[in-house]
């Protein structure tokens, strides 16, 4: 059986537990940032990891709370679905931040890439947004097969209609990267 029957006092102590966990995560974050500033680590990577502490800790607290508190079966299933969708969106956000970090590193190491970074960032944002929405809908139990089919057919139609334009655009990207 999932969940433990808790008293009102124990239930009221959960926000205190959450507050203590958040404070601990913030202290850990501060120590990590100080240690990274003293070392020769890339500051962007350290900032990325520091930003992951709090959301990851809050997700862990929410999961533990869901395990501790006994909810009715239908609410338990809904809370579990919502928590899994939040975890999925958090993971997608973390991957997006890592992608943005790689793009900024690419822009610093390759001077010709500076003009290409904004369009690549916009395409990446669009890709991650569509992927996030689709995965969230799938996680909530909605079938997205029809959506993927419509997007697939629509993208083929757009690609055929814009074949010459897309060919010239990618040729320009290739020339710009090659310089």
Foldseek 3Di string as FASTA:
>chain_A
DFADADDPVVVVCLVVVVVVLQVVLVVVLVVLLVVCVPDPDDNLVSVLVSVLSNLVSVLVSLVVVLRHHDDPPVVSVVSVLVSVLSVVLSVLVSVLSVVVVVLVVVCVVQVLCPVVSVVVNVVSVVVSVVVSVVVSCVSNPHDCPVVVVVVVVVVVVVCVVCVVVVVVVVVVVVVSRVD
